[in-house]
Amino acid sequence: MRVGIIGVTGYTGNELLRLLFSHGGVEITYVTSHSYSGKSLADIHPHYREIIEPVCRSFSVEEAAEKTDLIFSALPHGESMEKVPLLRDAGVKVIDLSADFRLADAALYPRWYKREHCAPHYLKEAIYGLPELYREEIKKASLVANPGCYPTSVLLGLLPLAIRGNLADWDTLVVDAKSGTSGAGRVPSQNLHYPECSENFRAYRVAGHQHTPEMEQELGKLVGRKVSFTFVPHLLPMIRGILSTIYLSLNAEITEEEITGIYSGFYANEKFVRVLPATILPETRNVYAGNYCDLSLKLDTRNNRLIIISAIDNLVKGAAGQAVQNMNLMLGFKEEQGLEMVPLRP
């Protein structure tokens, strides 16, 4: 199958290229970069030299439609919504890694992304690309909205509870999440300048992060009512990884072993979600460069409060790896194809 990447030179596009190169079932036939059009990818990312050296093109919907069966859009928020409708009108399947097609309600975009949605009619077509929840819908989809990195870590940590609905008190939900700096993308900024973020740990976008409505939307569907919660992201002085610590009270008396059993049963057939033994807690280094989500559960019996810890690599399971997982479902490959790499350590 022929695949392409628009926006190949960013961190997510670069990770997509790495994973697709080793996939075995696809040929990378089209890559674009607005900033580096006409240049070999190896001149921008030298680690590809003498391995894979496509020339970056300027975006052309006609060329994309001629050369590909599926396109990954790794463009920034706001740019994908302009290009994706052109690709869909040309009959190309699309996996969008921006936030442009994740929210079903177009009215939310001005509030959270500071812009009107220019293609709201495509929001109904887009399938939210969380395979552990929407696997069958993704198989039949032509447009998949790849989830955000924070939402992937949080939703995978909450799915078994959300499907059971009343076991948890959703009004008590609080999420404290930490991410490496690559989550902010490749464009330089003062806050990500090495002297600013090294030897430092800080919160940002407190009570206003743009991934919040995405998580509330999906949880609300599962729980059967509106879910509104507190989400506080933090920036860690490292490159990759997300560790989310999730707190919520329970409505019933239940043991930690019973909760762990619920999770282990729910994820028993999921290749990329690992429910850890009680003696092991998730660490970002154990999922580094892998497509895994590690989960652990601890019950604070004094307060009947459940603590869920979730770890992913933000560029793999939180972005490019999950996108390849979605591609496999859409194109009929084995879901794990190209993704069975062992995480790097140390």
C-alpha atoms as a PDB file:
ATOM      1  CA  MET A   1       0.000   0.000   0.000  1.00  0.00           C
ATOM      2  CA  ARG A   2       1.216   3.504  -0.839  1.00  0.00           C
ATOM      3  CA  VAL A   3       1.297   6.027   2.013  1.00  0.00           C
ATOM      4  CA  GLY A   4       2.363   9.638   2.383  1.00  0.00           C
ATOM      5  CA  ILE A   5       3.090  12.111   5.145  1.00  0.00           C
ATOM      6  CA  ILE A   6       2.318  15.813   4.933  1.00  0.00           C
ATOM      7  CA  GLY A   7       4.388  17.732   7.454  1.00  0.00           C
ATOM      8  CA  VAL A   8       7.155  15.136   7.562  1.00  0.00           C
ATOM      9  CA  THR A   9       9.900  17.247   9.158  1.00  0.00           C
ATOM     10  CA  GLY A  10       8.264  17.815  12.563  1.00  0.00           C
ATOM     11  CA  TYR A  11       8.767  15.436  15.461  1.00  0.00           C
ATOM     12  CA  THR A  12       5.566  13.497  14.765  1.00  0.00           C
ATOM     13  CA  GLY A  13       6.163  13.303  11.004  1.00  0.00           C
ATOM     14  CA  ASN A  14       9.727  12.201  11.629  1.00  0.00           C
ATOM     15  CA  GLU A  15       8.548   9.453  14.001  1.00  0.00           C
ATOM     16  CA  LEU A  16       5.960   8.316  11.465  1.00  0.00           C
ATOM     17  CA  LEU A  17       8.660   7.951   8.841  1.00  0.00           C
ATOM     18  CA  ARG A  18      10.800   5.864  11.189  1.00  0.00           C
ATOM     19  CA  LEU A  19       7.952   3.485  11.983  1.00  0.00           C
ATOM     20  CA  LEU A  20       6.648   3.202   8.427  1.00  0.00           C
ATOM     21  CA  PHE A  21      10.111   2.472   7.039  1.00  0.00           C
ATOM     22  CA  SER A  22      10.243  -0.698   9.143  1.00  0.00           C
ATOM     23  CA  HIS A  23       6.614  -1.678   8.590  1.00  0.00           C
ATOM     24  CA  GLY A  24       7.064  -4.053   5.662  1.00  0.00           C
ATOM     25  CA  GLY A  25       3.594  -3.634   4.180  1.00  0.00           C
ATOM     26  CA  VAL A  26       3.697  -0.053   2.933  1.00  0.00           C
ATOM     27  CA  GLU A  27       5.734   2.079   0.561  1.00  0.00           C
ATOM     28  CA  ILE A  28       6.362   5.722   1.424  1.00  0.00           C
ATOM     29  CA  THR A  29       5.609   7.448  -1.878  1.00  0.00           C
ATOM     30  CA  TYR A  30       4.946  11.089  -0.943  1.00  0.00           C
ATOM     31  CA  VAL A  31       6.250  13.435   1.767  1.00  0.00           C
ATOM     32  CA  THR A  32       5.791  17.181   2.073  1.00  0.00           C
ATOM     33  CA  SER A  33       7.319  20.045   3.996  1.00  0.00           C
ATOM     34  CA  HIS A  34       6.374  23.692   3.611  1.00  0.00           C
ATOM     35  CA  SER A  35       9.675  24.886   5.081  1.00  0.00           C
ATOM     36  CA  TYR A  36      12.003  22.445   3.322  1.00  0.00           C
ATOM     37  CA  SER A  37      10.380  21.865  -0.063  1.00  0.00           C
ATOM     38  CA  GLY A  38      12.878  20.551  -2.615  1.00  0.00           C
ATOM     39  CA  LYS A  39      15.354  19.284  -0.023  1.00  0.00           C
ATOM     40  CA  SER A  40      16.239  15.691   0.728  1.00  0.00           C
ATOM     41  CA  LEU A  41      14.957  14.546   4.101  1.00  0.00           C
ATOM     42  CA  ALA A  42      18.488  13.408   4.957  1.00  0.00           C
ATOM     43  CA  ASP A  43      19.639  17.045   4.765  1.00  0.00           C
ATOM     44  CA  ILE A  44      17.083  17.957   7.442  1.00  0.00           C
ATOM     45  CA  HIS A  45      17.321  14.800   9.562  1.00  0.00           C
ATOM     46  CA  PRO A  46      20.817  13.381   8.974  1.00  0.00           C
ATOM     47  CA  HIS A  47      20.085  10.121  10.790  1.00  0.00           C
ATOM     48  CA  TYR A  48      18.206   8.994   7.646  1.00  0.00           C
ATOM     49  CA  ARG A  49      21.247   9.357   5.400  1.00  0.00           C
ATOM     50  CA  GLU A  50      21.790   6.339   3.147  1.00  0.00           C
ATOM     51  CA  ILE A  51      18.724   4.711   4.722  1.00  0.00           C
ATOM     52  CA  ILE A  52      15.763   6.666   3.390  1.00  0.00           C
ATOM     53  CA  GLU A  53      16.166   9.976   1.578  1.00  0.00           C
ATOM     54  CA  PRO A  54      12.915  11.168  -0.017  1.00  0.00           C
ATOM     55  CA  VAL A  55      12.761  14.681  -1.407  1.00  0.00           C
ATOM     56  CA  CYS A  56      10.248  16.873   0.408  1.00  0.00           C
ATOM     57  CA  ARG A  57       7.538  18.274  -1.856  1.00  0.00           C
ATOM     58  CA  SER A  58       5.191  21.214  -1.582  1.00  0.00           C
ATOM     59  CA  PHE A  59       1.661  20.046  -0.906  1.00  0.00           C
ATOM     60  CA  SER A  60      -0.404  19.211  -3.989  1.00  0.00           C
ATOM     61  CA  VAL A  61      -3.714  17.412  -3.610  1.00  0.00           C
ATOM     62  CA  GLU A  62      -3.463  16.126  -7.175  1.00  0.00           C
ATOM     63  CA  GLU A  63      -0.023  14.627  -6.572  1.00  0.00           C
ATOM     64  CA  ALA A  64      -1.081  13.208  -3.211  1.00  0.00           C
ATOM     65  CA  ALA A  65      -4.124  11.523  -4.749  1.00  0.00           C
ATOM     66  CA  GLU A  66      -2.079  10.115  -7.617  1.00  0.00           C
ATOM     67  CA  LYS A  67       0.720   8.710  -5.473  1.00  0.00           C
ATOM     68  CA  THR A  68      -0.964   7.470  -2.279  1.00  0.00           C
ATOM     69  CA  ASP A  69      -3.753   5.304  -0.898  1.00  0.00           C
ATOM     70  CA  LEU A  70      -3.544   6.868   2.563  1.00  0.00           C
ATOM     71  CA  ILE A  71      -2.099  10.116   3.902  1.00  0.00           C
ATOM     72  CA  PHE A  72      -0.932  10.954   7.407  1.00  0.00           C
ATOM     73  CA  SER A  73      -1.408  14.644   8.151  1.00  0.00           C
ATOM     74  CA  ALA A  74       1.198  15.750  10.686  1.00  0.00           C
ATOM     75  CA  LEU A  75       0.443  19.436  10.220  1.00  0.00           C
ATOM     76  CA  PRO A  76      -0.122  21.877  13.096  1.00  0.00           C
ATOM     77  CA  HIS A  77      -3.581  22.529  14.499  1.00  0.00           C
ATOM     78  CA  GLY A  78      -5.517  24.782  12.136  1.00  0.00           C
ATOM     79  CA  GLU A  79      -3.633  23.726   9.003  1.00  0.00           C
ATOM     80  CA  SER A  80      -4.979  20.187   8.735  1.00  0.00           C
ATOM     81  CA  MET A  81      -8.576  21.379   8.560  1.00  0.00           C
ATOM     82  CA  GLU A  82      -7.653  23.191   5.336  1.00  0.00           C
ATOM     83  CA  LYS A  83      -5.836  20.286   3.653  1.00  0.00           C
ATOM     84  CA  VAL A  84      -7.749  17.220   4.854  1.00  0.00           C
ATOM     85  CA  PRO A  85     -11.056  18.066   3.099  1.00  0.00           C
ATOM     86  CA  LEU A  86      -9.164  18.400  -0.200  1.00  0.00           C
ATOM     87  CA  LEU A  87      -7.661  14.944   0.276  1.00  0.00           C
ATOM     88  CA  ARG A  88     -10.983  13.399   1.244  1.00  0.00           C
ATOM     89  CA  ASP A  89     -12.717  14.977  -1.758  1.00  0.00           C
ATOM     90  CA  ALA A  90     -10.013  13.385  -3.901  1.00  0.00           C
ATOM     91  CA  GLY A  91     -10.767   9.964  -2.432  1.00  0.00           C
ATOM     92  CA  VAL A  92      -7.667   9.613  -0.251  1.00  0.00           C
ATOM     93  CA  LYS A  93      -7.985   8.032   3.197  1.00  0.00           C
ATOM     94  CA  VAL A  94      -6.557  10.289   5.920  1.00  0.00           C
ATOM     95  CA  ILE A  95      -5.246   9.901   9.456  1.00  0.00           C
ATOM     96  CA  ASP A  96      -4.986  13.367  10.983  1.00  0.00           C
ATOM     97  CA  LEU A  97      -2.591  13.782  13.905  1.00  0.00           C
ATOM     98  CA  SER A  98      -3.661  17.343  14.716  1.00  0.00           C
ATOM     99  CA  ALA A  99      -6.659  18.211  16.886  1.00  0.00           C
ATOM    100  CA  ASP A 100      -8.670  19.518  13.941  1.00  0.00           C
ATOM    101  CA  PHE A 101     -11.152  16.646  13.688  1.00  0.00           C
ATOM    102  CA  ARG A 102     -11.232  15.293  17.255  1.00  0.00           C
ATOM    103  CA  LEU A 103     -14.120  17.347  18.626  1.00  0.00           C
ATOM    104  CA  ALA A 104     -17.628  16.608  17.404  1.00  0.00           C
ATOM    105  CA  ASP A 105     -18.897  20.111  18.260  1.00  0.00           C
ATOM    106  CA  ALA A 106     -17.446  22.763  15.939  1.00  0.00           C
ATOM    107  CA  ALA A 107     -18.431  25.475  18.442  1.00  0.00           C
ATOM    108  CA  LEU A 108     -15.689  24.267  20.813  1.00  0.00           C
ATOM    109  CA  TYR A 109     -12.818  25.130  18.461  1.00  0.00           C
ATOM    110  CA  PRO A 110     -12.890  28.935  18.899  1.00  0.00           C
ATOM    111  CA  ARG A 111     -12.793  28.525  22.683  1.00  0.00           C
ATOM    112  CA  TRP A 112     -10.003  25.935  22.904  1.00  0.00           C
ATOM    113  CA  TYR A 113      -8.037  26.485  19.677  1.00  0.00           C
ATOM    114  CA  LYS A 114      -8.716  30.193  19.088  1.00  0.00           C
ATOM    115  CA  ARG A 115     -10.078  29.727  15.557  1.00  0.00           C
ATOM    116  CA  GLU A 116     -13.297  28.842  13.754  1.00  0.00           C
ATOM    117  CA  HIS A 117     -13.463  25.426  12.156  1.00  0.00           C
ATOM    118  CA  CYS A 118     -13.390  25.828   8.367  1.00  0.00           C
ATOM    119  CA  ALA A 119     -14.668  22.302   7.547  1.00  0.00           C
ATOM    120  CA  PRO A 120     -17.255  21.451  10.237  1.00  0.00           C
ATOM    121  CA  HIS A 121     -19.161  19.020   7.971  1.00  0.00           C
ATOM    122  CA  TYR A 122     -16.180  16.648   8.129  1.00  0.00           C
ATOM    123  CA  LEU A 123     -16.417  16.325  11.906  1.00  0.00           C
ATOM    124  CA  LYS A 124     -19.262  13.818  11.509  1.00  0.00           C
ATOM    125  CA  GLU A 125     -17.154  11.679   9.187  1.00  0.00           C
ATOM    126  CA  ALA A 126     -14.106  11.552  11.469  1.00  0.00           C
ATOM    127  CA  ILE A 127     -13.674   8.531  13.757  1.00  0.00           C
ATOM    128  CA  TYR A 128     -11.783   9.098  16.992  1.00  0.00           C
ATOM    129  CA  GLY A 129      -8.708   6.917  16.604  1.00  0.00           C
ATOM    130  CA  LEU A 130      -8.425   5.134  19.950  1.00  0.00           C
ATOM    131  CA  PRO A 131      -8.213   1.481  18.812  1.00  0.00           C
ATOM    132  CA  GLU A 132      -8.941   0.045  22.244  1.00  0.00           C
ATOM    133  CA  LEU A 133     -12.339   1.764  22.110  1.00  0.00           C
ATOM    134  CA  TYR A 134     -13.272   2.232  18.443  1.00  0.00           C
ATOM    135  CA  ARG A 135     -11.497  -0.640  16.678  1.00  0.00           C
ATOM    136  CA  GLU A 136     -14.419  -1.738  14.505  1.00  0.00           C
ATOM    137  CA  GLU A 137     -15.325   1.812  13.470  1.00  0.00           C
ATOM    138  CA  ILE A 138     -11.693   2.540  12.548  1.00  0.00           C
ATOM    139  CA  LYS A 139     -11.579  -0.491  10.247  1.00  0.00           C
ATOM    140  CA  LYS A 140     -14.333   1.057   8.112  1.00  0.00           C
ATOM    141  CA  ALA A 141     -13.181   4.675   8.374  1.00  0.00           C
ATOM    142  CA  SER A 142     -11.832   6.972   5.668  1.00  0.00           C
ATOM    143  CA  LEU A 143     -10.945   9.796   8.081  1.00  0.00           C
ATOM    144  CA  VAL A 144      -9.455   9.081  11.503  1.00  0.00           C
ATOM    145  CA  ALA A 145      -8.725  11.759  14.089  1.00  0.00           C
ATOM    146  CA  ASN A 146      -5.690  10.479  15.965  1.00  0.00           C
ATOM    147  CA  PRO A 147      -6.056  11.204  19.706  1.00  0.00           C
ATOM    148  CA  GLY A 148      -3.825  13.655  21.514  1.00  0.00           C
ATOM    149  CA  CYS A 149      -0.949  12.406  23.640  1.00  0.00           C
ATOM    150  CA  TYR A 150      -2.373  13.447  27.020  1.00  0.00           C
ATOM    151  CA  PRO A 151      -5.840  12.064  26.156  1.00  0.00           C
ATOM    152  CA  THR A 152      -4.338   8.732  25.123  1.00  0.00           C
ATOM    153  CA  SER A 153      -2.637   8.322  28.489  1.00  0.00           C
ATOM    154  CA  VAL A 154      -5.713   9.450  30.429  1.00  0.00           C
ATOM    155  CA  LEU A 155      -8.436   7.661  28.482  1.00  0.00           C
ATOM    156  CA  LEU A 156      -6.596   4.342  28.518  1.00  0.00           C
ATOM    157  CA  GLY A 157      -6.307   4.789  32.270  1.00  0.00           C
ATOM    158  CA  LEU A 158     -10.055   5.346  32.643  1.00  0.00           C
ATOM    159  CA  LEU A 159     -11.794   3.212  29.983  1.00  0.00           C
ATOM    160  CA  PRO A 160     -12.546   0.168  32.175  1.00  0.00           C
ATOM    161  CA  LEU A 161     -14.096   2.411  34.830  1.00  0.00           C
ATOM    162  CA  ALA A 162     -15.971   4.623  32.370  1.00  0.00           C
ATOM    163  CA  ILE A 163     -17.636   1.653  30.702  1.00  0.00           C
ATOM    164  CA  ARG A 164     -18.884   0.559  34.146  1.00  0.00           C
ATOM    165  CA  GLY A 165     -20.301   4.053  34.672  1.00  0.00           C
ATOM    166  CA  ASN A 166     -21.464   4.266  38.280  1.00  0.00           C
ATOM    167  CA  LEU A 167     -18.537   2.530  39.960  1.00  0.00           C
ATOM    168  CA  ALA A 168     -16.661   5.854  40.037  1.00  0.00           C
ATOM    169  CA  ASP A 169     -17.759   9.301  41.205  1.00  0.00           C
ATOM    170  CA  TRP A 170     -16.903  11.289  38.066  1.00  0.00           C
ATOM    171  CA  ASP A 171     -17.387  14.622  39.812  1.00  0.00           C
ATOM    172  CA  THR A 172     -14.200  13.927  41.819  1.00  0.00           C
ATOM    173  CA  LEU A 173     -11.915  13.271  38.832  1.00  0.00           C
ATOM    174  CA  VAL A 174      -8.535  15.049  38.875  1.00  0.00           C
ATOM    175  CA  VAL A 175      -5.683  14.396  36.428  1.00  0.00           C
ATOM    176  CA  ASP A 176      -2.089  15.465  37.095  1.00  0.00           C
ATOM    177  CA  ALA A 177       0.033  14.819  33.992  1.00  0.00           C
ATOM    178  CA  LYS A 178       3.685  15.406  33.078  1.00  0.00           C
ATOM    179  CA  SER A 179       5.187  15.474  29.600  1.00  0.00           C
ATOM    180  CA  GLY A 180       8.569  15.687  27.959  1.00  0.00           C
ATOM    181  CA  THR A 181       9.322  18.756  25.856  1.00  0.00           C
ATOM    182  CA  SER A 182       8.903  17.067  22.453  1.00  0.00           C
ATOM    183  CA  GLY A 183       5.149  17.288  23.017  1.00  0.00           C
ATOM    184  CA  ALA A 184       5.330  20.988  22.198  1.00  0.00           C
ATOM    185  CA  GLY A 185       6.637  20.315  18.688  1.00  0.00           C
ATOM    186  CA  ARG A 186       9.799  21.271  16.818  1.00  0.00           C
ATOM    187  CA  VAL A 187       9.263  25.010  16.430  1.00  0.00           C
ATOM    188  CA  PRO A 188      11.603  26.812  18.881  1.00  0.00           C
ATOM    189  CA  SER A 189      10.230  28.921  21.718  1.00  0.00           C
ATOM    190  CA  GLN A 190      11.728  30.643  24.736  1.00  0.00           C
ATOM    191  CA  ASN A 191       9.960  28.348  27.217  1.00  0.00           C
ATOM    192  CA  LEU A 192      11.562  25.310  25.580  1.00  0.00           C
ATOM    193  CA  HIS A 193      15.019  26.858  25.281  1.00  0.00           C
ATOM    194  CA  TYR A 194      17.427  24.543  27.130  1.00  0.00           C
ATOM    195  CA  PRO A 195      18.433  27.023  29.886  1.00  0.00           C
ATOM    196  CA  GLU A 196      14.735  27.723  30.537  1.00  0.00           C
ATOM    197  CA  CYS A 197      13.476  24.138  30.877  1.00  0.00           C
ATOM    198  CA  SER A 198      16.548  22.254  32.119  1.00  0.00           C
ATOM    199  CA  GLU A 199      16.808  21.798  35.903  1.00  0.00           C
ATOM    200  CA  ASN A 200      13.200  22.931  36.148  1.00  0.00           C
ATOM    201  CA  PHE A 201       9.702  21.499  36.573  1.00  0.00           C
ATOM    202  CA  ARG A 202       6.612  23.590  36.001  1.00  0.00           C
ATOM    203  CA  ALA A 203       2.887  23.475  35.370  1.00  0.00           C
ATOM    204  CA  TYR A 204       1.391  25.166  32.319  1.00  0.00           C
ATOM    205  CA  ARG A 205      -2.057  25.916  30.890  1.00  0.00           C
ATOM    206  CA  VAL A 206      -3.580  25.121  34.265  1.00  0.00           C
ATOM    207  CA  ALA A 207      -7.371  24.639  33.974  1.00  0.00           C
ATOM    208  CA  GLY A 208      -7.179  25.573  30.292  1.00  0.00           C
ATOM    209  CA  HIS A 209      -5.302  22.960  28.277  1.00  0.00           C
ATOM    210  CA  GLN A 210      -6.760  22.340  24.810  1.00  0.00           C
ATOM    211  CA  HIS A 211      -6.864  18.551  25.285  1.00  0.00           C
ATOM    212  CA  THR A 212      -9.454  18.890  28.059  1.00  0.00           C
ATOM    213  CA  PRO A 213     -12.623  18.906  25.888  1.00  0.00           C
ATOM    214  CA  GLU A 214     -11.373  15.912  23.919  1.00  0.00           C
ATOM    215  CA  MET A 215     -11.114  13.842  27.092  1.00  0.00           C
ATOM    216  CA  GLU A 216     -14.420  15.109  28.476  1.00  0.00           C
ATOM    217  CA  GLN A 217     -16.145  14.322  25.189  1.00  0.00           C
ATOM    218  CA  GLU A 218     -15.020  10.690  25.133  1.00  0.00           C
ATOM    219  CA  LEU A 219     -15.604  10.072  28.834  1.00  0.00           C
ATOM    220  CA  GLY A 220     -19.062  11.608  28.587  1.00  0.00           C
ATOM    221  CA  LYS A 221     -20.034   9.204  25.799  1.00  0.00           C
ATOM    222  CA  LEU A 222     -19.024   6.224  27.924  1.00  0.00           C
ATOM    223  CA  VAL A 223     -20.404   7.379  31.263  1.00  0.00           C
ATOM    224  CA  GLY A 224     -23.663   8.563  29.718  1.00  0.00           C
ATOM    225  CA  ARG A 225     -23.601  12.091  31.099  1.00  0.00           C
ATOM    226  CA  LYS A 226     -21.499  15.230  31.007  1.00  0.00           C
ATOM    227  CA  VAL A 227     -18.073  14.790  32.601  1.00  0.00           C
ATOM    228  CA  SER A 228     -16.097  17.850  33.682  1.00  0.00           C
ATOM    229  CA  PHE A 229     -12.830  17.481  35.547  1.00  0.00           C
ATOM    230  CA  THR A 230      -9.632  19.216  36.594  1.00  0.00           C
ATOM    231  CA  PHE A 231      -6.625  18.645  34.333  1.00  0.00           C
ATOM    232  CA  VAL A 232      -3.188  20.064  35.177  1.00  0.00           C
ATOM    233  CA  PRO A 233      -0.297  19.387  32.754  1.00  0.00           C
ATOM    234  CA  HIS A 234       3.371  19.858  33.649  1.00  0.00           C
ATOM    235  CA  LEU A 235       6.565  20.117  31.637  1.00  0.00           C
ATOM    236  CA  LEU A 236       9.414  17.777  32.541  1.00  0.00           C
ATOM    237  CA  PRO A 237      13.052  18.499  31.590  1.00  0.00           C
ATOM    238  CA  MET A 238      13.258  15.440  29.317  1.00  0.00           C
ATOM    239  CA  ILE A 239      12.543  14.771  25.647  1.00  0.00           C
ATOM    240  CA  ARG A 240      10.000  11.946  25.558  1.00  0.00           C
ATOM    241  CA  GLY A 241       7.316  10.492  27.755  1.00  0.00           C
ATOM    242  CA  ILE A 242       4.078  11.216  29.588  1.00  0.00           C
ATOM    243  CA  LEU A 243       3.231  10.110  33.106  1.00  0.00           C
ATOM    244  CA  SER A 244      -0.375  10.780  34.125  1.00  0.00           C
ATOM    245  CA  THR A 245      -1.569  10.352  37.698  1.00  0.00           C
ATOM    246  CA  ILE A 246      -5.361  10.090  37.853  1.00  0.00           C
ATOM    247  CA  TYR A 247      -7.423  10.447  41.032  1.00  0.00           C
ATOM    248  CA  LEU A 248     -11.114   9.739  41.572  1.00  0.00           C
ATOM    249  CA  SER A 249     -13.371   8.510  44.352  1.00  0.00           C
ATOM    250  CA  LEU A 250     -15.339   5.279  44.150  1.00  0.00           C
ATOM    251  CA  ASN A 251     -19.031   4.782  44.863  1.00  0.00           C
ATOM    252  CA  ALA A 252     -18.682   1.229  46.130  1.00  0.00           C
ATOM    253  CA  GLU A 253     -16.519  -0.724  48.501  1.00  0.00           C
ATOM    254  CA  ILE A 254     -14.086  -2.713  46.371  1.00  0.00           C
ATOM    255  CA  THR A 255     -10.601  -4.095  46.875  1.00  0.00           C
ATOM    256  CA  GLU A 256      -7.490  -3.138  44.955  1.00  0.00           C
ATOM    257  CA  GLU A 257      -7.262  -6.719  43.703  1.00  0.00           C
ATOM    258  CA  GLU A 258     -10.816  -6.537  42.344  1.00  0.00           C
ATOM    259  CA  ILE A 259     -10.108  -3.250  40.552  1.00  0.00           C
ATOM    260  CA  THR A 260      -6.917  -4.665  39.070  1.00  0.00           C
ATOM    261  CA  GLY A 261      -8.913  -7.704  37.946  1.00  0.00           C
ATOM    262  CA  ILE A 262     -11.390  -5.457  36.142  1.00  0.00           C
ATOM    263  CA  TYR A 263      -8.557  -3.735  34.301  1.00  0.00           C
ATOM    264  CA  SER A 264      -6.674  -6.934  33.522  1.00  0.00           C
ATOM    265  CA  GLY A 265      -9.836  -8.475  32.094  1.00  0.00           C
ATOM    266  CA  PHE A 266     -10.679  -5.420  30.010  1.00  0.00           C
ATOM    267  CA  TYR A 267      -7.206  -5.225  28.489  1.00  0.00           C
ATOM    268  CA  ALA A 268      -6.526  -8.975  28.321  1.00  0.00           C
ATOM    269  CA  ASN A 269      -6.470  -9.017  24.510  1.00  0.00           C
ATOM    270  CA  GLU A 270      -4.897  -5.592  23.988  1.00  0.00           C
ATOM    271  CA  LYS A 271      -1.363  -5.892  22.656  1.00  0.00           C
ATOM    272  CA  PHE A 272      -0.258  -2.402  23.630  1.00  0.00           C
ATOM    273  CA  VAL A 273      -1.765  -1.878  27.092  1.00  0.00           C
ATOM    274  CA  ARG A 274       0.060  -3.517  29.991  1.00  0.00           C
ATOM    275  CA  VAL A 275      -1.594  -3.680  33.420  1.00  0.00           C
ATOM    276  CA  LEU A 276       1.360  -3.997  35.778  1.00  0.00           C
ATOM    277  CA  PRO A 277       1.669  -6.175  38.884  1.00  0.00           C
ATOM    278  CA  ALA A 278       1.043  -4.470  42.225  1.00  0.00           C
ATOM    279  CA  THR A 279       4.777  -4.352  42.982  1.00  0.00           C
ATOM    280  CA  ILE A 280       5.664  -2.339  39.845  1.00  0.00           C
ATOM    281  CA  LEU A 281       4.745   1.270  39.039  1.00  0.00           C
ATOM    282  CA  PRO A 282       4.828   2.745  35.514  1.00  0.00           C
ATOM    283  CA  GLU A 283       7.915   4.684  34.450  1.00  0.00           C
ATOM    284  CA  THR A 284       8.416   6.637  31.255  1.00  0.00           C
ATOM    285  CA  ARG A 285      11.733   4.890  30.600  1.00  0.00           C
ATOM    286  CA  ASN A 286       9.921   1.550  30.330  1.00  0.00           C
ATOM    287  CA  VAL A 287       7.857   2.733  27.344  1.00  0.00           C
ATOM    288  CA  TYR A 288      10.519   4.943  25.709  1.00  0.00           C
ATOM    289  CA  ALA A 289      10.235   4.707  21.875  1.00  0.00           C
ATOM    290  CA  GLY A 290       7.629   1.929  22.224  1.00  0.00           C
ATOM    291  CA  ASN A 291       3.913   1.787  21.448  1.00  0.00           C
ATOM    292  CA  TYR A 292       2.919   0.652  24.933  1.00  0.00           C
ATOM    293  CA  CYS A 293       0.789   2.155  27.671  1.00  0.00           C
ATOM    294  CA  ASP A 294       1.714   0.903  31.153  1.00  0.00           C
ATOM    295  CA  LEU A 295      -0.959   1.139  33.851  1.00  0.00           C
ATOM    296  CA  SER A 296      -1.012   0.545  37.597  1.00  0.00           C
ATOM    297  CA  LEU A 297      -3.784   0.917  40.150  1.00  0.00           C
ATOM    298  CA  LYS A 298      -3.558   1.781  43.818  1.00  0.00           C
ATOM    299  CA  LEU A 299      -6.505   2.114  46.172  1.00  0.00           C
ATOM    300  CA  ASP A 300      -6.285   4.672  48.968  1.00  0.00           C
ATOM    301  CA  THR A 301      -8.536   2.798  51.391  1.00  0.00           C
ATOM    302  CA  ARG A 302      -8.617   5.665  53.907  1.00  0.00           C
ATOM    303  CA  ASN A 303     -10.496   7.799  51.394  1.00  0.00           C
ATOM    304  CA  ASN A 304     -11.899   5.126  49.067  1.00  0.00           C
ATOM    305  CA  ARG A 305     -10.028   6.921  46.300  1.00  0.00           C
ATOM    306  CA  LEU A 306      -8.512   5.168  43.300  1.00  0.00           C
ATOM    307  CA  ILE A 307      -5.115   6.291  41.998  1.00  0.00           C
ATOM    308  CA  ILE A 308      -4.334   5.279  38.410  1.00  0.00           C
ATOM    309  CA  ILE A 309      -0.860   5.822  36.972  1.00  0.00           C
ATOM    310  CA  SER A 310      -0.377   5.725  33.204  1.00  0.00           C
ATOM    311  CA  ALA A 311       2.852   5.988  31.188  1.00  0.00           C
ATOM    312  CA  ILE A 312       3.292   6.314  27.417  1.00  0.00           C
ATOM    313  CA  ASP A 313       5.816   7.644  24.936  1.00  0.00           C
ATOM    314  CA  ASN A 314       4.107  10.802  23.688  1.00  0.00           C
ATOM    315  CA  LEU A 315       5.584  10.507  20.181  1.00  0.00           C
ATOM    316  CA  VAL A 316       4.725   6.816  19.706  1.00  0.00           C
ATOM    317  CA  LYS A 317       1.592   5.576  21.502  1.00  0.00           C
ATOM    318  CA  GLY A 318       0.648   9.228  21.972  1.00  0.00           C
ATOM    319  CA  ALA A 319       1.018  10.105  18.279  1.00  0.00           C
ATOM    320  CA  ALA A 320       2.827   8.280  15.447  1.00  0.00           C
ATOM    321  CA  GLY A 321       2.632   4.729  16.817  1.00  0.00           C
ATOM    322  CA  GLN A 322      -1.097   4.998  17.438  1.00  0.00           C
ATOM    323  CA  ALA A 323      -1.479   6.460  13.941  1.00  0.00           C
ATOM    324  CA  VAL A 324       0.274   3.412  12.454  1.00  0.00           C
ATOM    325  CA  GLN A 325      -1.953   1.190  14.605  1.00  0.00           C
ATOM    326  CA  ASN A 326      -4.955   2.963  13.056  1.00  0.00           C
ATOM    327  CA  MET A 327      -3.496   2.612   9.561  1.00  0.00           C
ATOM    328  CA  ASN A 328      -3.117  -1.122  10.088  1.00  0.00           C
ATOM    329  CA  LEU A 329      -6.794  -1.388  10.973  1.00  0.00           C
ATOM    330  CA  MET A 330      -7.884   0.758   8.016  1.00  0.00           C
ATOM    331  CA  LEU A 331      -5.778  -1.089   5.448  1.00  0.00           C
ATOM    332  CA  GLY A 332      -6.275  -4.630   6.700  1.00  0.00           C
ATOM    333  CA  PHE A 333      -2.845  -5.324   8.190  1.00  0.00           C
ATOM    334  CA  LYS A 334      -2.320  -7.005  11.535  1.00  0.00           C
ATOM    335  CA  GLU A 335      -2.871  -4.286  14.113  1.00  0.00           C
ATOM    336  CA  GLU A 336       0.577  -4.731  15.660  1.00  0.00           C
ATOM    337  CA  GLN A 337       2.510  -4.776  12.363  1.00  0.00           C
ATOM    338  CA  GLY A 338       5.495  -2.425  12.457  1.00  0.00           C
ATOM    339  CA  LEU A 339       4.960  -1.677  16.137  1.00  0.00           C
ATOM    340  CA  GLU A 340       6.325  -4.674  18.000  1.00  0.00           C
ATOM    341  CA  MET A 341       9.585  -2.986  18.896  1.00  0.00           C
ATOM    342  CA  VAL A 342      10.913  -3.377  22.413  1.00  0.00           C
ATOM    343  CA  PRO A 343      11.087   0.000  24.217  1.00  0.00           C
ATOM    344  CA  LEU A 344      14.598   1.436  24.575  1.00  0.00           C
ATOM    345  CA  ARG A 345      16.357   1.219  27.908  1.00  0.00           C
ATOM    346  CA  PRO A 346      18.533   2.764  29.156  1.00  0.00           C
END
